[in-house]
Amino acid sequence: MRANPTPIGRGALALVALVFATLLLAGCRSDTPVYTTRFLAFGTLMDLSIVGVSHAQAERASQLLEQDFQFMHRAWHAWDPGPTGRVNRLFAEGKTFAAPPSVLPLIRLSRLYAEQSGHLFNPAIGHLVDLWGFHSDAPECHPPPAADQIRKLLVANPRMSDVHDDGILLRSDNPAVKLDFGAIGKGYGIDLAIGHLRELGIHNAIINAGGDLRAIGDRGGRPWRIAVRRPTGGVLGVIQVSGDESVFTSGDYERNFVHEGKTYHHIIDPRTGLPAEGTRSVTVVHTDATTADAAATALFVAGPEQWEEVARRMGVRTVLLMDRNGVLHMTPAMAARIELLDQAAEVRVSPPLDEPDPAAR
């Protein structure tokens, strides 16, 4: 699962922000006022653009959202002191306790997505993430964990189904559960922030967290143009969004370390305890950011052989997966939306995911 937060090098952040800003502005100039700002949250740069309101209204909204994100970061951080850390400590002690209100919604959503994905999305494997060294702000080059350490955690088999809530009371049947909301927290936070913007009377805006985003409305009558990053660098393609859509990507380039010439990335397969194999990146377009965030990780773990089945179960229909050989696997909905910059890329389009699963017939 994605470690929380998910920082990348500042140079890479600057590149992502530059590409995003360039595409956002290209062909979208108008007399409509656009307010843009940037702040740090969830270990990444957050870019906020607000369209069609006064500078004072946009600036006030930006200040409120930055406060919101700082609160969410403290509440959901997997290894700094805070509500999630307290939950993990009490789980390990086998206690029943009052659930922190800031954490309970994420637990319930995580349980839902874990079930839908066949537990390929599994925020309960925080101990595995920690074992690999991804519970740090800057993973260092080091040997991978010993096989017996990984095996011990696999035998314990922590899952979100081990977490139970009775009203506001929370407990875990499995002391090996350690929550890490890195593969859902950013999406859920962006959804909450979009809701806050709408309460403030803002209906045209985009929140971009290091390349993961949700856009509402449009940019002065024109769609937002979103860059999809190529795992090897540069831009793979462009997607236009308008109305209300989220675009989230999980990639092996986001957070990793190198040991003896081999790269180990942060997206851990709960079935093996190892970095997931077979996939370079997954991009999901969906209405809400929470689902897009969780699905991007689940489909990355599912890989080229299983992603269609998992996407169908999770209710996502616009998906792009690049496998380790550079082949692009996508749904018809994605094929109709994305403007690929590499016309020579090998593309495989799946059957529509809203049709019944052929394997179930």
Protein backbone atom coordinates (compact mmCIF):
# COMPACT_ATOMS: atom_id res chain seq x y z
CA MET A 1 0.00 0.00 0.00
CA ARG A 2 1.12 3.56 -0.41
CA ALA A 3 3.01 4.91 2.57
CA ASN A 4 1.41 7.94 4.19
CA PRO A 5 2.42 10.57 3.30
CA THR A 6 3.92 9.95 -0.13
CA PRO A 7 6.72 12.45 -0.65
CA ILE A 8 8.84 12.50 -3.77
CA GLY A 9 11.94 14.52 -4.45
CA ARG A 10 11.47 18.26 -4.72
CA GLY A 11 12.90 18.21 -8.22
CA ALA A 12 10.31 15.66 -9.27
CA LEU A 13 7.59 17.65 -7.55
CA ALA A 14 8.64 20.74 -9.44
CA LEU A 15 8.54 18.82 -12.72
CA VAL A 16 5.08 17.42 -12.03
CA ALA A 17 3.81 20.86 -11.03
CA LEU A 18 5.36 22.46 -14.13
CA VAL A 19 3.83 19.91 -16.49
CA PHE A 20 0.46 20.18 -14.77
CA ALA A 21 0.46 23.98 -14.84
CA THR A 22 1.54 24.08 -18.48
CA LEU A 23 -1.27 21.76 -19.59
CA LEU A 24 -3.77 23.51 -17.35
CA LEU A 25 -3.09 26.87 -18.97
CA ALA A 26 -2.60 25.71 -22.55
CA GLY A 27 -5.58 26.68 -24.68
CA CYS A 28 -7.59 27.73 -21.64
CA ARG A 29 -6.99 31.47 -21.44
CA SER A 30 -10.00 33.67 -20.87
CA ASP A 31 -11.01 36.80 -19.00
CA THR A 32 -12.40 34.70 -16.14
CA PRO A 33 -10.38 35.34 -12.96
CA VAL A 34 -8.29 32.38 -11.82
CA TYR A 35 -6.74 32.22 -8.36
CA THR A 36 -3.89 29.75 -7.87
CA THR A 37 -1.90 28.87 -4.78
CA ARG A 38 0.27 26.07 -3.43
CA PHE A 39 0.94 24.59 0.02
CA LEU A 40 2.42 21.44 1.53
CA ALA A 41 0.19 18.65 2.89
CA PHE A 42 0.27 14.85 2.99
CA GLY A 43 4.00 15.13 2.28
CA THR A 44 3.43 16.57 -1.18
CA LEU A 45 2.73 19.91 -2.83
CA MET A 46 -0.97 20.75 -3.10
CA ASP A 47 -1.95 23.00 -6.00
CA LEU A 48 -5.30 24.76 -5.75
CA SER A 49 -6.93 26.70 -8.60
CA ILE A 50 -10.23 28.52 -8.09
CA VAL A 51 -12.14 30.08 -10.97
CA GLY A 52 -14.75 32.80 -11.21
CA VAL A 53 -14.81 34.32 -7.72
CA SER A 54 -13.19 37.37 -6.18
CA HIS A 55 -9.57 37.28 -5.06
CA ALA A 56 -10.64 37.82 -1.45
CA GLN A 57 -13.13 34.92 -1.55
CA ALA A 58 -10.59 32.60 -3.18
CA GLU A 59 -7.86 33.57 -0.75
CA ARG A 60 -10.10 32.93 2.25
CA ALA A 61 -11.11 29.54 0.84
CA SER A 62 -7.46 28.66 0.28
CA GLN A 63 -6.59 29.48 3.88
CA LEU A 64 -9.44 27.33 5.19
CA LEU A 65 -8.47 24.40 2.97
CA GLU A 66 -4.86 24.56 4.04
CA GLN A 67 -6.01 24.37 7.66
CA ASP A 68 -8.25 21.42 6.78
CA PHE A 69 -5.38 19.53 5.14
CA GLN A 70 -3.00 20.17 8.02
CA PHE A 71 -5.58 18.75 10.43
CA MET A 72 -6.14 15.69 8.22
CA HIS A 73 -2.41 15.11 7.87
CA ARG A 74 -1.97 15.04 11.66
CA ALA A 75 -5.04 12.85 12.17
CA TRP A 76 -4.20 10.19 9.56
CA HIS A 77 -0.40 10.08 9.59
CA ALA A 78 0.77 6.49 9.91
CA TRP A 79 3.92 7.05 11.96
CA ASP A 80 3.78 10.49 13.61
CA PRO A 81 1.90 10.87 16.93
CA GLY A 82 -1.82 11.45 16.43
CA PRO A 83 -5.22 9.72 16.36
CA THR A 84 -4.19 7.00 13.87
CA GLY A 85 -1.05 6.24 15.89
CA ARG A 86 -3.15 5.90 19.04
CA VAL A 87 -5.56 3.54 17.27
CA ASN A 88 -2.68 1.35 16.14
CA ARG A 89 -1.20 1.25 19.64
CA LEU A 90 -4.52 0.21 21.20
CA PHE A 91 -5.10 -2.42 18.51
CA ALA A 92 -1.74 -3.96 19.38
CA GLU A 93 -2.77 -4.03 23.05
CA GLY A 94 -6.06 -5.79 22.21
CA LYS A 95 -8.22 -3.08 23.78
CA THR A 96 -11.72 -1.85 22.96
CA PHE A 97 -11.86 1.93 22.92
CA ALA A 98 -13.73 4.97 21.64
CA ALA A 99 -12.88 5.57 18.00
CA PRO A 100 -11.47 8.99 17.10
CA PRO A 101 -14.13 10.71 14.95
CA SER A 102 -11.46 11.74 12.43
CA VAL A 103 -10.39 8.13 11.81
CA LEU A 104 -13.66 6.16 11.90
CA PRO A 105 -14.92 7.17 8.42
CA LEU A 106 -11.63 6.08 6.86
CA ILE A 107 -11.82 2.74 8.64
CA ARG A 108 -15.33 2.09 7.32
CA LEU A 109 -14.46 3.12 3.78
CA SER A 110 -11.26 1.06 3.86
CA ARG A 111 -13.22 -2.00 4.95
CA LEU A 112 -15.60 -1.53 2.01
CA TYR A 113 -12.83 -1.14 -0.61
CA ALA A 114 -10.87 -4.02 0.89
CA GLU A 115 -13.87 -6.30 0.48
CA GLN A 116 -14.57 -5.11 -3.07
CA SER A 117 -10.95 -5.64 -4.13
CA GLY A 118 -10.53 -9.07 -2.58
CA HIS A 119 -8.21 -7.45 -0.02
CA LEU A 120 -5.69 -6.31 -2.63
CA PHE A 121 -6.42 -2.89 -1.17
CA ASN A 122 -5.40 -3.47 2.44
CA PRO A 123 -4.63 -0.54 4.76
CA ALA A 124 -4.18 -3.01 7.65
CA ILE A 125 -0.64 -3.98 6.51
CA GLY A 126 1.11 -1.03 8.12
CA HIS A 127 3.64 -3.36 9.77
CA LEU A 128 4.71 -4.61 6.33
CA VAL A 129 5.06 -1.07 5.05
CA ASP A 130 7.14 -0.27 8.13
CA LEU A 131 9.25 -3.40 7.69
CA TRP A 132 10.20 -2.26 4.19
CA GLY A 133 11.28 1.14 5.52
CA PHE A 134 8.53 3.21 3.93
CA HIS A 135 7.38 4.69 7.25
CA SER A 136 9.91 7.48 6.92
CA ASP A 137 9.94 10.79 5.11
CA ALA A 138 12.96 9.76 3.03
CA PRO A 139 13.39 6.00 2.45
CA GLU A 140 17.07 5.11 2.43
CA CYS A 141 18.89 2.48 0.42
CA HIS A 142 19.03 -0.66 2.55
CA PRO A 143 18.68 -4.42 2.15
CA PRO A 144 15.12 -5.71 1.77
CA PRO A 145 13.58 -7.36 4.85
CA ALA A 146 14.52 -10.94 5.70
CA ALA A 147 12.15 -13.57 4.30
CA ASP A 148 11.27 -14.89 7.77
CA GLN A 149 10.21 -11.41 8.91
CA ILE A 150 7.90 -11.07 5.93
CA ARG A 151 6.56 -14.58 6.40
CA LYS A 152 5.69 -13.88 10.04
CA LEU A 153 3.48 -10.95 9.04
CA LEU A 154 1.90 -12.91 6.19
CA VAL A 155 0.96 -15.69 8.61
CA ALA A 156 -0.67 -13.10 10.90
CA ASN A 157 -2.70 -12.00 7.84
CA PRO A 158 -3.90 -8.57 9.01
CA ARG A 159 -7.01 -7.41 7.16
CA MET A 160 -9.56 -4.66 7.46
CA SER A 161 -12.14 -7.34 8.28
CA ASP A 162 -10.24 -7.77 11.57
CA VAL A 163 -11.33 -4.26 12.56
CA HIS A 164 -14.76 -3.91 14.17
CA ASP A 165 -16.75 -0.90 15.30
CA ASP A 166 -19.88 -0.98 17.42
CA GLY A 167 -21.20 2.53 17.24
CA ILE A 168 -18.21 4.52 18.40
CA LEU A 169 -16.34 1.62 20.00
CA LEU A 170 -13.44 0.16 18.07
CA ARG A 171 -11.42 -3.03 18.41
CA SER A 172 -9.30 -5.43 16.36
CA ASP A 173 -9.33 -9.22 16.53
CA ASN A 174 -5.78 -9.27 15.19
CA PRO A 175 -2.92 -7.51 17.02
CA ALA A 176 -0.94 -7.56 13.75
CA VAL A 177 -3.26 -4.90 12.29
CA LYS A 178 -1.55 -1.56 11.80
CA LEU A 179 -3.48 1.02 9.84
CA ASP A 180 -1.81 2.97 7.04
CA PHE A 181 -4.21 5.19 5.10
CA GLY A 182 -1.64 6.15 2.46
CA ALA A 183 -3.71 4.64 -0.36
CA ILE A 184 -6.97 6.38 0.58
CA GLY A 185 -6.26 9.36 2.84
CA LYS A 186 -5.28 11.78 0.10
CA GLY A 187 -8.37 10.96 -1.96
CA TYR A 188 -10.72 11.21 1.00
CA GLY A 189 -9.11 14.48 2.05
CA ILE A 190 -9.57 15.95 -1.42
CA ASP A 191 -13.23 14.90 -1.43
CA LEU A 192 -13.76 16.65 1.91
CA ALA A 193 -11.99 19.74 0.59
CA ILE A 194 -14.17 19.86 -2.54
CA GLY A 195 -17.23 19.64 -0.32
CA HIS A 196 -15.90 22.56 1.72
CA LEU A 197 -15.33 24.64 -1.43
CA ARG A 198 -18.93 24.06 -2.51
CA GLU A 199 -20.18 25.12 0.93
CA LEU A 200 -18.23 28.35 0.38
CA GLY A 201 -20.04 28.94 -2.94
CA ILE A 202 -17.15 27.85 -5.17
CA HIS A 203 -18.13 25.54 -8.03
CA ASN A 204 -15.19 25.76 -10.45
CA ALA A 205 -11.90 24.58 -8.98
CA ILE A 206 -9.22 21.93 -9.04
CA ILE A 207 -7.21 20.43 -6.18
CA ASN A 208 -4.04 18.68 -7.32
CA ALA A 209 -1.93 16.74 -4.82
CA GLY A 210 1.32 15.82 -6.54
CA GLY A 211 -0.52 14.72 -9.69
CA ASP A 212 -3.60 13.21 -8.00
CA LEU A 213 -6.60 15.50 -8.27
CA ARG A 214 -10.28 16.26 -8.38
CA ALA A 215 -11.73 18.96 -10.60
CA ILE A 216 -15.19 20.52 -10.43
CA GLY A 217 -16.82 22.75 -13.00
CA ASP A 218 -14.48 24.08 -15.65
CA ARG A 219 -11.89 26.74 -16.31
CA GLY A 220 -13.82 29.65 -17.70
CA GLY A 221 -15.93 27.51 -20.03
CA ARG A 222 -13.09 25.20 -21.06
CA PRO A 223 -12.23 21.75 -19.65
CA TRP A 224 -9.28 21.14 -17.38
CA ARG A 225 -6.41 19.39 -19.20
CA ILE A 226 -4.71 16.79 -17.02
CA ALA A 227 -1.32 15.25 -17.72
CA VAL A 228 -0.82 11.52 -17.09
CA ARG A 229 2.80 10.94 -16.17
CA ARG A 230 4.95 8.34 -17.93
CA PRO A 231 6.71 6.10 -15.34
CA THR A 232 10.04 6.67 -17.09
CA GLY A 233 9.54 10.45 -17.11
CA GLY A 234 7.63 12.98 -19.15
CA VAL A 235 3.98 12.86 -20.14
CA LEU A 236 2.23 9.72 -21.36
CA GLY A 237 -1.02 11.38 -22.34
CA VAL A 238 -3.59 14.06 -21.60
CA ILE A 239 -7.14 13.73 -20.29
CA GLN A 240 -9.73 16.51 -20.41
CA VAL A 241 -12.11 16.67 -17.47
CA SER A 242 -15.06 18.89 -16.67
CA GLY A 243 -18.10 18.70 -14.45
CA ASP A 244 -16.86 16.66 -11.51
CA GLU A 245 -14.12 14.05 -11.91
CA SER A 246 -11.04 12.73 -10.14
CA VAL A 247 -7.83 11.45 -11.71
CA PHE A 248 -5.50 9.34 -9.53
CA THR A 249 -2.35 7.43 -10.42
CA SER A 250 -0.31 4.82 -8.54
CA GLY A 251 3.19 4.21 -9.87
CA ASP A 252 6.37 2.38 -8.98
CA TYR A 253 8.30 5.65 -9.40
CA GLU A 254 6.56 7.51 -6.57
CA ARG A 255 8.47 6.19 -3.57
CA ASN A 256 11.27 3.64 -3.71
CA PHE A 257 14.85 2.76 -2.85
CA VAL A 258 17.66 0.93 -4.62
CA HIS A 259 19.75 -1.89 -3.16
CA GLU A 260 22.50 -3.61 -5.12
CA GLY A 261 21.12 -2.29 -8.38
CA LYS A 262 17.51 -3.39 -7.80
CA THR A 263 14.69 -0.93 -7.19
CA TYR A 264 12.08 -1.70 -4.52
CA HIS A 265 8.91 0.40 -4.64
CA HIS A 266 6.38 1.12 -1.93
CA ILE A 267 3.22 -0.58 -3.26
CA ILE A 268 3.24 -3.82 -1.29
CA ASP A 269 1.26 -6.87 -2.42
CA PRO A 270 -0.56 -8.11 0.73
CA ARG A 271 -0.44 -11.68 -0.66
CA THR A 272 3.35 -11.87 -0.90
CA GLY A 273 4.60 -9.12 1.40
CA LEU A 274 6.77 -7.92 -1.51
CA PRO A 275 6.51 -4.93 -3.85
CA ALA A 276 3.80 -5.76 -6.40
CA GLU A 277 5.14 -7.03 -9.71
CA GLY A 278 3.96 -6.71 -13.29
CA THR A 279 2.74 -3.10 -13.21
CA ARG A 280 4.48 0.24 -13.74
CA SER A 281 1.51 2.55 -13.20
CA VAL A 282 -2.28 2.70 -13.00
CA THR A 283 -4.46 5.74 -13.66
CA VAL A 284 -8.13 5.80 -12.65
CA VAL A 285 -10.73 8.43 -13.55
CA HIS A 286 -13.80 8.40 -11.32
CA THR A 287 -16.34 10.80 -9.86
CA ASP A 288 -15.00 10.76 -6.30
CA ALA A 289 -11.36 10.92 -5.34
CA THR A 290 -11.62 8.36 -2.51
CA THR A 291 -12.64 5.55 -4.84
CA ALA A 292 -10.10 6.58 -7.49
CA ASP A 293 -7.31 6.61 -4.89
CA ALA A 294 -8.13 3.18 -3.45
CA ALA A 295 -8.77 1.62 -6.86
CA ALA A 296 -5.47 2.85 -8.32
CA THR A 297 -3.58 0.91 -5.65
CA ALA A 298 -5.79 -2.18 -5.83
CA LEU A 299 -5.45 -2.40 -9.62
CA PHE A 300 -1.69 -1.88 -9.42
CA VAL A 301 -1.48 -4.91 -7.11
CA ALA A 302 -3.93 -6.89 -9.26
CA GLY A 303 -1.62 -6.45 -12.26
CA PRO A 304 -2.22 -7.09 -15.97
CA GLU A 305 -3.94 -10.43 -15.37
CA GLN A 306 -6.53 -9.41 -12.76
CA TRP A 307 -7.12 -5.67 -13.07
CA GLU A 308 -10.30 -5.95 -15.14
CA GLU A 309 -12.03 -8.17 -12.59
CA VAL A 310 -11.03 -5.95 -9.67
CA ALA A 311 -12.03 -2.76 -11.50
CA ARG A 312 -15.44 -4.24 -12.26
CA ARG A 313 -15.98 -5.12 -8.59
CA MET A 314 -14.86 -1.68 -7.40
CA GLY A 315 -17.14 0.09 -9.88
CA VAL A 316 -14.46 1.97 -11.83
CA ARG A 317 -14.80 2.13 -15.60
CA THR A 318 -12.09 4.50 -16.81
CA VAL A 319 -8.72 2.82 -16.24
CA LEU A 320 -5.24 2.84 -17.77
CA LEU A 321 -2.59 0.31 -16.69
CA MET A 322 0.97 0.24 -18.00
CA ASP A 323 2.62 -3.15 -17.48
CA ARG A 324 6.32 -3.79 -16.91
CA ASN A 325 6.84 -4.23 -20.67
CA GLY A 326 5.34 -0.83 -21.46
CA VAL A 327 2.10 -2.23 -22.89
CA LEU A 328 -0.91 0.01 -22.20
CA HIS A 329 -4.03 -1.80 -20.99
CA MET A 330 -7.15 0.34 -20.88
CA THR A 331 -10.91 0.26 -20.79
CA PRO A 332 -12.97 1.53 -23.72
CA ALA A 333 -13.97 4.50 -21.57
CA MET A 334 -10.31 5.45 -21.10
CA ALA A 335 -9.47 4.83 -24.76
CA ALA A 336 -12.17 7.34 -25.69
CA ARG A 337 -10.82 9.95 -23.28
CA ILE A 338 -7.03 9.91 -23.32
CA GLU A 339 -4.91 11.71 -25.88
CA LEU A 340 -1.76 9.58 -26.06
CA LEU A 341 1.44 11.42 -26.93
CA ASP A 342 3.21 8.19 -27.96
CA GLN A 343 1.33 6.97 -31.01
CA ALA A 344 3.66 3.95 -31.32
CA ALA A 345 2.71 2.52 -27.92
CA GLU A 346 1.14 -0.93 -27.86
CA VAL A 347 -2.44 -0.56 -26.63
CA ARG A 348 -4.80 -3.32 -25.51
CA VAL A 349 -8.42 -2.28 -24.93
CA SER A 350 -10.52 -4.43 -22.61
CA PRO A 351 -14.20 -5.26 -23.03
CA PRO A 352 -16.51 -2.67 -21.41
CA LEU A 353 -16.44 -3.24 -17.65
CA ASP A 354 -20.15 -2.56 -17.26
CA GLU A 355 -20.83 -5.83 -19.06
CA PRO A 356 -21.07 -9.05 -17.01
CA ASP A 357 -17.78 -10.76 -16.25
CA PRO A 358 -17.28 -13.39 -19.03
CA ALA A 359 -15.59 -15.70 -16.53
CA ALA A 360 -18.76 -15.77 -14.43
CA ARG A 361 -20.94 -17.04 -17.27
